[in-house]
PDB file of N, CA and C in Angstrom:
ATOM      1  N   THR A   1      61.736-182.230  28.070  1.00  0.00           N
ATOM      2  CA  THR A   1      63.237-182.709  28.775  1.00  0.00           C
ATOM      3  C   THR A   1      63.364-182.937  30.284  1.00  0.00           C
ATOM      4  N   GLY A   2      62.148-181.964  31.183  1.00  0.00           N
ATOM      5  CA  GLY A   2      62.041-182.887  32.237  1.00  0.00           C
ATOM      6  C   GLY A   2      61.627-184.641  32.126  1.00  0.00           C
ATOM      7  N   ALA A   3      61.271-185.091  30.927  1.00  0.00           N
ATOM      8  CA  ALA A   3      60.779-186.421  31.099  1.00  0.00           C
ATOM      9  C   ALA A   3      62.347-187.556  30.765  1.00  0.00           C
ATOM     10  N   MET A   4      63.007-187.036  30.228  1.00  0.00           N
ATOM     11  CA  MET A   4      64.476-187.203  29.394  1.00  0.00           C
ATOM     12  C   MET A   4      65.135-187.790  31.470  1.00  0.00           C
ATOM     13  N   LEU A   5      64.629-186.186  31.731  1.00  0.00           N
ATOM     14  CA  LEU A   5      65.967-186.258  33.377  1.00  0.00           C
ATOM     15  C   LEU A   5      65.474-187.248  34.303  1.00  0.00           C
ATOM     16  N   ASP A   6      63.886-187.328  34.022  1.00  0.00           N
ATOM     17  CA  ASP A   6      63.662-188.597  35.105  1.00  0.00           C
ATOM     18  C   ASP A   6      63.765-189.960  34.469  1.00  0.00           C
ATOM     19  N   VAL A   7      63.894-189.975  33.188  1.00  0.00           N
ATOM     20  CA  VAL A   7      63.882-191.215  32.762  1.00  0.00           C
ATOM     21  C   VAL A   7      66.169-191.697  32.797  1.00  0.00           C
ATOM     22  N   PHE A   8      66.806-190.609  32.832  1.00  0.00           N
ATOM     23  CA  PHE A   8      67.821-190.630  33.397  1.00  0.00           C
ATOM     24  C   PHE A   8      68.134-190.984  35.034  1.00  0.00           C
ATOM     25  N   LEU A   9      67.506-190.431  35.363  1.00  0.00           N
ATOM     26  CA  LEU A   9      67.748-190.157  37.029  1.00  0.00           C
ATOM     27  C   LEU A   9      67.036-191.923  37.402  1.00  0.00           C
ATOM     28  N   ARG A  10      66.437-192.837  36.768  1.00  0.00           N
ATOM     29  CA  ARG A  10      65.804-193.851  36.852  1.00  0.00           C
ATOM     30  C   ARG A  10      67.056-194.979  36.524  1.00  0.00           C
ATOM     31  N   LEU A  11      67.485-194.654  35.785  1.00  0.00           N
ATOM     32  CA  LEU A  11      68.590-195.393  34.709  1.00  0.00           C
ATOM     33  C   LEU A  11      69.847-195.467  36.048  1.00  0.00           C
ATOM     34  N   LYS A  12      69.958-194.213  35.951  1.00  0.00           N
ATOM     35  CA  LYS A  12      71.271-194.462  37.155  1.00  0.00           C
ATOM     36  C   LYS A  12      70.914-194.869  38.417  1.00  0.00           C
ATOM     37  N   SER A  13      69.833-194.884  39.184  1.00  0.00           N
ATOM     38  CA  SER A  13      69.149-195.610  40.571  1.00  0.00           C
ATOM     39  C   SER A  13      69.365-197.089  40.326  1.00  0.00           C
ATOM     40  N   ALA A  14      69.021-197.759  38.690  1.00  0.00           N
ATOM     41  CA  ALA A  14      68.836-198.781  38.585  1.00  0.00           C
ATOM     42  C   ALA A  14      69.451-199.915  37.979  1.00  0.00           C
ATOM     43  N   LYS A  15      70.572-198.895  37.271  1.00  0.00           N
ATOM     44  CA  LYS A  15      72.067-199.776  36.655  1.00  0.00           C
ATOM     45  C   LYS A  15      73.261-198.943  37.812  1.00  0.00           C
ATOM     46  N   ASN A  16      74.351-200.043  37.823  1.00  0.00           N
ATOM     47  CA  ASN A  16      75.380-199.585  38.531  1.00  0.00           C
ATOM     48  C   ASN A  16      76.146-198.775  37.642  1.00  0.00           C
ATOM     49  N   LEU A  17      76.071-197.307  37.615  1.00  0.00           N
ATOM     50  CA  LEU A  17      77.463-196.692  36.741  1.00  0.00           C
ATOM     51  C   LEU A  17      78.655-196.329  37.324  1.00  0.00           C
ATOM     52  N   ASP A  18      78.890-196.387  36.828  1.00  0.00           N
ATOM     53  CA  ASP A  18      80.655-196.062  37.790  1.00  0.00           C
ATOM     54  C   ASP A  18      80.524-194.543  38.047  1.00  0.00           C
ATOM     55  N   GLY A  19      81.681-193.732  38.593  1.00  0.00           N
ATOM     56  CA  GLY A  19      81.811-192.771  38.983  1.00  0.00           C
ATOM     57  C   GLY A  19      81.344-191.757  38.381  1.00  0.00           C
ATOM     58  N   GLN A  20      82.120-191.791  37.445  1.00  0.00           N
ATOM     59  CA  GLN A  20      82.203-191.286  36.281  1.00  0.00           C
ATOM     60  C   GLN A  20      80.724-190.064  35.717  1.00  0.00           C
ATOM     61  N   GLN A  21      80.537-191.364  35.051  1.00  0.00           N
ATOM     62  CA  GLN A  21      78.663-191.361  34.604  1.00  0.00           C
ATOM     63  C   GLN A  21      77.652-190.999  35.361  1.00  0.00           C
ATOM     64  N   ALA A  22      77.917-191.157  36.812  1.00  0.00           N
ATOM     65  CA  ALA A  22      76.796-190.615  37.972  1.00  0.00           C
ATOM     66  C   ALA A  22      77.100-189.719  38.059  1.00  0.00           C
ATOM     67  N   ALA A  23      78.400-189.287  37.916  1.00  0.00           N
ATOM     68  CA  ALA A  23      78.385-187.946  38.497  1.00  0.00           C
ATOM     69  C   ALA A  23      77.865-186.577  36.855  1.00  0.00           C
ATOM     70  N   LEU A  24      77.988-187.481  36.096  1.00  0.00           N
ATOM     71  CA  LEU A  24      77.577-186.677  34.709  1.00  0.00           C
ATOM     72  C   LEU A  24      76.280-186.542  34.699  1.00  0.00           C
ATOM     73  N   VAL A  25      75.329-187.353  35.432  1.00  0.00           N
ATOM     74  CA  VAL A  25      73.879-187.579  35.342  1.00  0.00           C
ATOM     75  C   VAL A  25      73.322-186.436  36.359  1.00  0.00           C
ATOM     76  N   GLU A  26      74.185-186.605  37.519  1.00  0.00           N
ATOM     77  CA  GLU A  26      73.843-185.721  38.819  1.00  0.00           C
ATOM     78  C   GLU A  26      74.274-184.259  37.652  1.00  0.00           C
ATOM     79  N   GLY A  27      74.820-183.958  37.030  1.00  0.00           N
ATOM     80  CA  GLY A  27      75.583-182.608  37.069  1.00  0.00           C
ATOM     81  C   GLY A  27      74.481-182.037  35.739  1.00  0.00           C
ATOM     82  N   VAL A  28      74.038-183.279  35.363  1.00  0.00           N
ATOM     83  CA  VAL A  28      72.880-182.506  33.643  1.00  0.00           C
ATOM     84  C   VAL A  28      71.443-182.355  34.650  1.00  0.00           C
ATOM     85  N   HIS A  29      71.502-183.235  35.678  1.00  0.00           N
ATOM     86  CA  HIS A  29      69.873-183.095  36.357  1.00  0.00           C
ATOM     87  C   HIS A  29      70.077-181.589  37.247  1.00  0.00           C
ATOM     88  N   ASN A  30      71.091-181.363  38.145  1.00  0.00           N
ATOM     89  CA  ASN A  30      71.531-179.995  38.825  1.00  0.00           C
ATOM     90  C   ASN A  30      71.508-179.316  38.164  1.00  0.00           C
ATOM     91  N   ALA A  31      71.851-178.848  36.933  1.00  0.00           N
ATOM     92  CA  ALA A  31      71.992-177.490  35.799  1.00  0.00           C
ATOM     93  C   ALA A  31      71.140-177.639  35.000  1.00  0.00           C
ATOM     94  N   CYS A  32      69.664-178.678  34.747  1.00  0.00           N
ATOM     95  CA  CYS A  32      68.945-178.575  34.262  1.00  0.00           C
ATOM     96  C   CYS A  32      67.495-177.683  35.310  1.00  0.00           C
ATOM     97  N   ARG A  33      67.658-178.737  36.306  1.00  0.00           N
ATOM     98  CA  ARG A  33      66.573-178.342  37.634  1.00  0.00           C
ATOM     99  C   ARG A  33      67.371-177.810  39.104  1.00  0.00           C
ATOM    100  N   PRO A  34      67.920-176.608  39.177  1.00  0.00           N
ATOM    101  CA  PRO A  34      68.976-176.010  40.167  1.00  0.00           C
ATOM    102  C   PRO A  34      68.148-176.824  41.377  1.00  0.00           C
ATOM    103  N   PRO A  35      68.795-177.028  42.733  1.00  0.00           N
ATOM    104  CA  PRO A  35      68.037-177.038  43.927  1.00  0.00           C
ATOM    105  C   PRO A  35      67.222-175.631  43.998  1.00  0.00           C
ATOM    106  N   GLU A  36      65.810-176.038  44.595  1.00  0.00           N
ATOM    107  CA  GLU A  36      65.114-174.950  44.977  1.00  0.00           C
ATOM    108  C   GLU A  36      65.702-174.211  46.317  1.00  0.00           C
ATOM    109  N   HIS A  37      66.065-175.021  47.389  1.00  0.00           N
ATOM    110  CA  HIS A  37      66.717-173.830  48.279  1.00  0.00           C
ATOM    111  C   HIS A  37      67.907-173.333  48.144  1.00  0.00           C
ATOM    112  N   THR A  38      68.451-172.035  48.114  1.00  0.00           N
ATOM    113  CA  THR A  38      69.333-171.868  48.088  1.00  0.00           C
ATOM    114  C   THR A  38      69.860-171.207  49.050  1.00  0.00           C
ATOM    115  N   ALA A  39      70.927-170.996  49.207  1.00  0.00           N
ATOM    116  CA  ALA A  39      71.403-169.831  50.381  1.00  0.00           C
ATOM    117  C   ALA A  39      71.369-168.443  50.464  1.00  0.00           C
ATOM    118  N   PRO A  40      70.590-167.892  51.331  1.00  0.00           N
ATOM    119  CA  PRO A  40      70.510-166.240  50.979  1.00  0.00           C
ATOM    120  C   PRO A  40      71.681-165.351  50.829  1.00  0.00           C
ATOM    121  N   LYS A  41      71.538-164.391  50.398  1.00  0.00           N
ATOM    122  CA  LYS A  41      72.834-163.701  49.864  1.00  0.00           C
ATOM    123  C   LYS A  41      72.868-163.107  50.856  1.00  0.00           C
ATOM    124  N   ARG A  42      74.503-163.304  51.059  1.00  0.00           N
ATOM    125  CA  ARG A  42      74.541-162.141  52.379  1.00  0.00           C
ATOM    126  C   ARG A  42      74.540-160.166  52.273  1.00  0.00           C
ATOM    127  N   VAL A  43      74.191-160.117  53.072  1.00  0.00           N
ATOM    128  CA  VAL A  43      74.016-158.201  52.883  1.00  0.00           C
ATOM    129  C   VAL A  43      74.942-157.887  53.531  1.00  0.00           C
ATOM    130  N   ARG A  44      76.263-156.953  52.968  1.00  0.00           N
ATOM    131  CA  ARG A  44      77.026-156.429  53.768  1.00  0.00           C
ATOM    132  C   ARG A  44      76.595-154.958  53.477  1.00  0.00           C
ATOM    133  N   PRO A  45      77.139-153.926  55.273  1.00  0.00           N
ATOM    134  CA  PRO A  45      76.990-152.624  55.076  1.00  0.00           C
ATOM    135  C   PRO A  45      77.896-152.453  53.623  1.00  0.00           C
ATOM    136  N   PRO A  46      77.212-151.212  52.934  1.00  0.00           N
ATOM    137  CA  PRO A  46      78.276-150.672  51.875  1.00  0.00           C
ATOM    138  C   PRO A  46      79.710-150.483  51.712  1.00  0.00           C
ATOM    139  N   VAL A  47      79.951-149.597  53.172  1.00  0.00           N
ATOM    140  CA  VAL A  47      81.679-149.786  53.404  1.00  0.00           C
ATOM    141  C   VAL A  47      82.449-150.947  53.230  1.00  0.00           C
ATOM    142  N   ARG A  48      81.507-152.137  53.503  1.00  0.00           N
ATOM    143  CA  ARG A  48      82.315-153.178  53.756  1.00  0.00           C
ATOM    144  C   ARG A  48      82.327-153.706  52.284  1.00  0.00           C
ATOM    145  N   GLU A  49      81.027-153.541  51.543  1.00  0.00           N
ATOM    146  CA  GLU A  49      81.184-153.892  50.354  1.00  0.00           C
ATOM    147  C   GLU A  49      82.289-153.258  49.240  1.00  0.00           C
ATOM    148  N   TYR A  50      82.685-151.345  49.373  1.00  0.00           N
ATOM    149  CA  TYR A  50      83.753-150.958  49.280  1.00  0.00           C
ATOM    150  C   TYR A  50      84.591-151.128  49.231  1.00  0.00           C
ATOM    151  N   ILE A  51      85.268-151.822  50.332  1.00  0.00           N
ATOM    152  CA  ILE A  51      86.420-152.274  51.170  1.00  0.00           C
ATOM    153  C   ILE A  51      86.752-153.564  50.063  1.00  0.00           C
ATOM    154  N   ARG A  52      85.515-154.454  49.865  1.00  0.00           N
ATOM    155  CA  ARG A  52      85.865-155.660  49.496  1.00  0.00           C
ATOM    156  C   ARG A  52      86.232-155.347  47.903  1.00  0.00           C
ATOM    157  N   HIS A  53      85.674-154.501  47.442  1.00  0.00           N
ATOM    158  CA  HIS A  53      85.731-153.786  45.731  1.00  0.00           C
ATOM    159  C   HIS A  53      87.345-153.742  45.217  1.00  0.00           C
ATOM    160  N   LEU A  54      87.748-152.848  46.926  1.00  0.00           N
ATOM    161  CA  LEU A  54      88.930-152.032  46.569  1.00  0.00           C
ATOM    162  C   LEU A  54      89.837-153.171  46.928  1.00  0.00           C
ATOM    163  N   ILE A  55      89.964-153.885  47.763  1.00  0.00           N
ATOM    164  CA  ILE A  55      90.618-155.266  47.700  1.00  0.00           C
ATOM    165  C   ILE A  55      90.835-156.352  46.759  1.00  0.00           C
ATOM    166  N   PHE A  56      89.602-156.889  46.209  1.00  0.00           N
ATOM    167  CA  PHE A  56      89.014-157.887  45.400  1.00  0.00           C
ATOM    168  C   PHE A  56      89.368-157.577  44.011  1.00  0.00           C
ATOM    169  N   ALA A  57      89.283-156.196  43.370  1.00  0.00           N
ATOM    170  CA  ALA A  57      89.119-155.828  42.308  1.00  0.00           C
ATOM    171  C   ALA A  57      89.592-154.868  41.527  1.00  0.00           C
ATOM    172  N   VAL A  58      90.007-154.233  42.432  1.00  0.00           N
ATOM    173  CA  VAL A  58      91.132-152.949  42.212  1.00  0.00           C
ATOM    174  C   VAL A  58      92.304-153.025  42.187  1.00  0.00           C
ATOM    175  N   LEU A  59      92.618-153.597  43.310  1.00  0.00           N
ATOM    176  CA  LEU A  59      94.108-154.130  44.071  1.00  0.00           C
ATOM    177  C   LEU A  59      94.970-154.669  43.086  1.00  0.00           C
ATOM    178  N   THR A  60      96.225-154.088  42.519  1.00  0.00           N
ATOM    179  CA  THR A  60      97.120-155.102  41.907  1.00  0.00           C
ATOM    180  C   THR A  60      98.385-154.238  42.211  1.00  0.00           C
ATOM    181  N   LYS A  61      99.630-154.649  41.789  1.00  0.00           N
ATOM    182  CA  LYS A  61     100.894-153.792  41.978  1.00  0.00           C
ATOM    183  C   LYS A  61     101.185-152.925  41.732  1.00  0.00           C
ATOM    184  N   ASN A  62     100.571-152.075  40.486  1.00  0.00           N
ATOM    185  CA  ASN A  62     100.299-150.988  40.345  1.00  0.00           C
ATOM    186  C   ASN A  62      99.792-149.709  40.727  1.00  0.00           C
ATOM    187  N   THR A  63      98.329-150.415  41.245  1.00  0.00           N
ATOM    188  CA  THR A  63      97.385-149.674  42.268  1.00  0.00           C
ATOM    189  C   THR A  63      97.526-149.421  43.518  1.00  0.00           C
ATOM    190  N   VAL A  64      98.518-150.145  44.143  1.00  0.00           N
ATOM    191  CA  VAL A  64      98.742-149.982  45.618  1.00  0.00           C
ATOM    192  C   VAL A  64      98.678-148.898  46.090  1.00  0.00           C
ATOM    193  N   PRO A  65      99.670-147.592  45.944  1.00  0.00           N
ATOM    194  CA  PRO A  65      99.072-146.196  46.607  1.00  0.00           C
ATOM    195  C   PRO A  65      98.079-145.567  46.293  1.00  0.00           C
ATOM    196  N   GLN A  66      97.353-145.513  45.219  1.00  0.00           N
ATOM    197  CA  GLN A  66      95.756-145.466  44.874  1.00  0.00           C
ATOM    198  C   GLN A  66      94.782-146.093  45.846  1.00  0.00           C
ATOM    199  N   VAL A  67      94.788-147.329  46.387  1.00  0.00           N
ATOM    200  CA  VAL A  67      94.129-148.349  47.186  1.00  0.00           C
ATOM    201  C   VAL A  67      94.014-147.635  48.531  1.00  0.00           C
ATOM    202  N   LEU A  68      95.620-147.833  48.709  1.00  0.00           N
ATOM    203  CA  LEU A  68      95.673-147.088  50.186  1.00  0.00           C
ATOM    204  C   LEU A  68      95.705-145.837  50.184  1.00  0.00           C
ATOM    205  N   LYS A  69      95.512-144.763  49.578  1.00  0.00           N
ATOM    206  CA  LYS A  69      94.721-143.318  50.092  1.00  0.00           C
ATOM    207  C   LYS A  69      93.771-143.441  50.485  1.00  0.00           C
ATOM    208  N   GLN A  70      92.806-144.367  48.877  1.00  0.00           N
ATOM    209  CA  GLN A  70      91.203-144.888  49.400  1.00  0.00           C
ATOM    210  C   GLN A  70      91.209-144.990  50.650  1.00  0.00           C
ATOM    211  N   LEU A  71      91.813-146.397  51.221  1.00  0.00           N
ATOM    212  CA  LEU A  71      91.452-146.875  52.331  1.00  0.00           C
ATOM    213  C   LEU A  71      91.789-145.818  53.379  1.00  0.00           C
ATOM    214  N   ARG A  72      92.767-145.464  53.473  1.00  0.00           N
ATOM    215  CA  ARG A  72      92.879-144.185  54.572  1.00  0.00           C
ATOM    216  C   ARG A  72      91.869-143.334  55.016  1.00  0.00           C
ATOM    217  N   LYS A  73      91.005-143.143  53.544  1.00  0.00           N
ATOM    218  CA  LYS A  73      89.712-142.245  53.467  1.00  0.00           C
ATOM    219  C   LYS A  73      88.656-142.864  54.508  1.00  0.00           C
ATOM    220  N   LEU A  74      88.308-143.987  54.702  1.00  0.00           N
ATOM    221  CA  LEU A  74      87.003-144.040  55.221  1.00  0.00           C
ATOM    222  C   LEU A  74      87.263-143.684  56.468  1.00  0.00           C
ATOM    223  N   PRO A  75      86.026-143.753  57.184  1.00  0.00           N
ATOM    224  CA  PRO A  75      85.919-143.692  58.517  1.00  0.00           C
ATOM    225  C   PRO A  75      86.481-144.956  59.186  1.00  0.00           C
ATOM    226  N   TRP A  76      87.350-145.105  59.649  1.00  0.00           N
ATOM    227  CA  TRP A  76      87.682-146.551  60.701  1.00  0.00           C
ATOM    228  C   TRP A  76      87.580-145.957  61.849  1.00  0.00           C
ATOM    229  N   ALA A  77      86.901-145.008  62.364  1.00  0.00           N
ATOM    230  CA  ALA A  77      86.550-145.086  64.304  1.00  0.00           C
ATOM    231  C   ALA A  77      85.176-145.169  63.768  1.00  0.00           C
ATOM    232  N   GLU A  78      84.533-144.826  62.740  1.00  0.00           N
ATOM    233  CA  GLU A  78      82.958-145.866  63.132  1.00  0.00           C
ATOM    234  C   GLU A  78      83.164-146.559  62.892  1.00  0.00           C
ATOM    235  N   HIS A  79      83.797-147.363  62.531  1.00  0.00           N
ATOM    236  CA  HIS A  79      83.546-149.295  61.793  1.00  0.00           C
ATOM    237  C   HIS A  79      84.712-149.745  62.803  1.00  0.00           C
ATOM    238  N   GLU A  80      85.304-149.281  64.333  1.00  0.00           N
ATOM    239  CA  GLU A  80      86.230-150.214  64.700  1.00  0.00           C
ATOM    240  C   GLU A  80      86.122-151.742  64.743  1.00  0.00           C
ATOM    241  N   ARG A  81      84.935-151.945  64.750  1.00  0.00           N
ATOM    242  CA  ARG A  81      84.764-153.300  65.542  1.00  0.00           C
ATOM    243  C   ARG A  81      84.655-154.636  64.144  1.00  0.00           C
ATOM    244  N   TYR A  82      85.555-153.855  62.846  1.00  0.00           N
ATOM    245  CA  TYR A  82      85.263-154.621  61.674  1.00  0.00           C
ATOM    246  C   TYR A  82      86.483-154.733  61.385  1.00  0.00           C
ATOM    247  N   VAL A  83      87.539-154.376  62.463  1.00  0.00           N
ATOM    248  CA  VAL A  83      88.759-154.238  62.121  1.00  0.00           C
ATOM    249  C   VAL A  83      89.535-155.199  63.391  1.00  0.00           C
TER     250      VAL A  83
END
């Protein structure tokens, strides 16, 4: 598959492909060989991860009272700079 990808990239640079075809070739190349340099994963404190979980995963119209109860239990005095 590596040789085929190289052939496609050479054809893309040699011929004038329209935007859609060029995007398809680039997409296939990036899917098969992702870029080596990736952004480092952000490391958050466990309390912040839990808050994100409550807000983005658990919170719905039906779970508002439970989520508020859990948020009120958190040690906000210790993490005042995040507020």
